[in-house]
Amino acid sequence: EAARLARESDESEKAALKALQAQKATLMEAQTSRARIWRPVTATSLASIYAQKEDFGQHILKKTGMLDTLLDNDDQEKKRSSN
């Protein structure tokens, strides 16, 4: 009886260890894939993202007619500050 219990205990420990190893492997894979996704973000690509965002913002402002208003306000402010 003691030998059977020891064997079952050993088998359950091995099964638990395998489950933990599988979880660890899954976590490691998730970390490496996340690193792969974020690694390419450099200053250049970040600047590109912001430029695209700014272009889109200007597109929206043009469609709503607000871009001209903002540019006129900028011009008026420059004239005031130069005087």
C-alpha atoms as a PDB file:
ATOM      1  CA  GLU A   1       0.000   0.000   0.000  1.00  0.00           C
ATOM      2  CA  ALA A   2       2.778   2.442   0.922  1.00  0.00           C
ATOM      3  CA  ALA A   3       4.615   1.667  -2.312  1.00  0.00           C
ATOM      4  CA  ARG A   4       1.442   2.299  -4.354  1.00  0.00           C
ATOM      5  CA  LEU A   5       0.821   5.637  -2.582  1.00  0.00           C
ATOM      6  CA  ALA A   6       4.438   6.675  -3.120  1.00  0.00           C
ATOM      7  CA  ARG A   7       4.174   5.774  -6.813  1.00  0.00           C
ATOM      8  CA  GLU A   8       0.892   7.695  -7.219  1.00  0.00           C
ATOM      9  CA  SER A   9       2.353  10.672  -5.385  1.00  0.00           C
ATOM     10  CA  ASP A  10       5.419  10.577  -7.619  1.00  0.00           C
ATOM     11  CA  GLU A  11       3.216  10.367 -10.741  1.00  0.00           C
ATOM     12  CA  SER A  12       1.039  13.279  -9.615  1.00  0.00           C
ATOM     13  CA  GLU A  13       4.165  15.342  -8.891  1.00  0.00           C
ATOM     14  CA  LYS A  14       5.474  14.554 -12.376  1.00  0.00           C
ATOM     15  CA  ALA A  15       2.114  15.521 -13.899  1.00  0.00           C
ATOM     16  CA  ALA A  16       2.080  18.780 -11.930  1.00  0.00           C
ATOM     17  CA  LEU A  17       5.656  19.505 -13.012  1.00  0.00           C
ATOM     18  CA  LYS A  18       4.752  18.864 -16.669  1.00  0.00           C
ATOM     19  CA  ALA A  19       1.769  21.204 -16.341  1.00  0.00           C
ATOM     20  CA  LEU A  20       3.987  23.913 -14.846  1.00  0.00           C
ATOM     21  CA  GLN A  21       6.566  23.435 -17.594  1.00  0.00           C
ATOM     22  CA  ALA A  22       3.823  23.743 -20.210  1.00  0.00           C
ATOM     23  CA  GLN A  23       2.586  26.962 -18.579  1.00  0.00           C
ATOM     24  CA  LYS A  24       6.121  28.318 -18.482  1.00  0.00           C
ATOM     25  CA  ALA A  25       6.623  27.490 -22.154  1.00  0.00           C
ATOM     26  CA  THR A  26       3.357  29.250 -23.001  1.00  0.00           C
ATOM     27  CA  LEU A  27       4.376  32.330 -21.022  1.00  0.00           C
ATOM     28  CA  MET A  28       7.822  32.381 -22.617  1.00  0.00           C
ATOM     29  CA  GLU A  29       6.269  32.160 -26.086  1.00  0.00           C
ATOM     30  CA  ALA A  30       3.860  34.969 -25.244  1.00  0.00           C
ATOM     31  CA  GLN A  31       6.724  37.156 -24.045  1.00  0.00           C
ATOM     32  CA  THR A  32       8.853  36.515 -27.113  1.00  0.00           C
ATOM     33  CA  SER A  33       5.956  37.141 -29.489  1.00  0.00           C
ATOM     34  CA  ARG A  34       5.113  40.352 -27.628  1.00  0.00           C
ATOM     35  CA  ALA A  35       8.768  41.381 -27.859  1.00  0.00           C
ATOM     36  CA  ARG A  36       8.708  40.614 -31.574  1.00  0.00           C
ATOM     37  CA  ILE A  37       5.702  42.893 -32.000  1.00  0.00           C
ATOM     38  CA  TRP A  38       7.185  45.817 -30.086  1.00  0.00           C
ATOM     39  CA  ARG A  39      10.825  45.543 -31.151  1.00  0.00           C
ATOM     40  CA  PRO A  40      10.392  47.262 -34.551  1.00  0.00           C
ATOM     41  CA  VAL A  41       9.076  50.478 -32.948  1.00  0.00           C
ATOM     42  CA  THR A  42      11.908  52.951 -33.408  1.00  0.00           C
ATOM     43  CA  ALA A  43      12.043  56.723 -33.367  1.00  0.00           C
ATOM     44  CA  THR A  44      11.650  56.735 -37.145  1.00  0.00           C
ATOM     45  CA  SER A  45       8.593  54.516 -37.187  1.00  0.00           C
ATOM     46  CA  LEU A  46       7.129  56.456 -34.266  1.00  0.00           C
ATOM     47  CA  ALA A  47       7.641  59.702 -36.180  1.00  0.00           C
ATOM     48  CA  SER A  48       5.942  58.100 -39.171  1.00  0.00           C
ATOM     49  CA  ILE A  49       2.959  57.095 -37.035  1.00  0.00           C
ATOM     50  CA  TYR A  50       2.634  60.633 -35.681  1.00  0.00           C
ATOM     51  CA  ALA A  51       2.945  62.096 -39.180  1.00  0.00           C
ATOM     52  CA  GLN A  52       0.152  59.839 -40.433  1.00  0.00           C
ATOM     53  CA  LYS A  53      -1.956  60.836 -37.462  1.00  0.00           C
ATOM     54  CA  GLU A  54      -1.279  64.521 -38.133  1.00  0.00           C
ATOM     55  CA  ASP A  55      -2.131  64.100 -41.840  1.00  0.00           C
ATOM     56  CA  PHE A  56      -5.400  62.456 -40.857  1.00  0.00           C
ATOM     57  CA  GLY A  57      -6.110  65.286 -38.417  1.00  0.00           C
ATOM     58  CA  GLN A  58      -5.486  67.862 -41.144  1.00  0.00           C
ATOM     59  CA  HIS A  59      -7.743  65.891 -43.485  1.00  0.00           C
ATOM     60  CA  ILE A  60     -10.567  66.054 -40.925  1.00  0.00           C
ATOM     61  CA  LEU A  61      -9.945  69.760 -40.330  1.00  0.00           C
ATOM     62  CA  LYS A  62     -10.044  70.420 -44.090  1.00  0.00           C
ATOM     63  CA  LYS A  63     -13.313  68.525 -44.465  1.00  0.00           C
ATOM     64  CA  THR A  64     -14.907  70.507 -41.644  1.00  0.00           C
ATOM     65  CA  GLY A  65     -13.425  73.811 -42.834  1.00  0.00           C
ATOM     66  CA  MET A  66     -11.582  74.308 -39.570  1.00  0.00           C
ATOM     67  CA  LEU A  67      -8.067  74.127 -41.045  1.00  0.00           C
ATOM     68  CA  ASP A  68      -8.403  77.461 -42.851  1.00  0.00           C
ATOM     69  CA  THR A  69      -9.786  79.068 -39.696  1.00  0.00           C
ATOM     70  CA  LEU A  70      -6.894  77.765 -37.616  1.00  0.00           C
ATOM     71  CA  LEU A  71      -4.326  78.848 -40.209  1.00  0.00           C
ATOM     72  CA  ASP A  72      -5.913  82.319 -40.398  1.00  0.00           C
ATOM     73  CA  ASN A  73      -5.790  82.568 -36.609  1.00  0.00           C
ATOM     74  CA  ASP A  74      -2.109  81.576 -36.694  1.00  0.00           C
ATOM     75  CA  ASP A  75      -1.378  84.217 -39.338  1.00  0.00           C
ATOM     76  CA  GLN A  76      -3.207  86.895 -37.347  1.00  0.00           C
ATOM     77  CA  GLU A  77      -1.332  85.896 -34.189  1.00  0.00           C
ATOM     78  CA  LYS A  78       2.012  86.114 -36.033  1.00  0.00           C
ATOM     79  CA  LYS A  79       1.116  89.577 -37.371  1.00  0.00           C
ATOM     80  CA  ARG A  80       0.146  90.736 -33.876  1.00  0.00           C
ATOM     81  CA  SER A  81       3.324  89.385 -32.302  1.00  0.00           C
ATOM     82  CA  SER A  82       5.547  90.946 -34.973  1.00  0.00           C
ATOM     83  CA  ASN A  83       4.044  94.438 -34.414  1.00  0.00           C
END
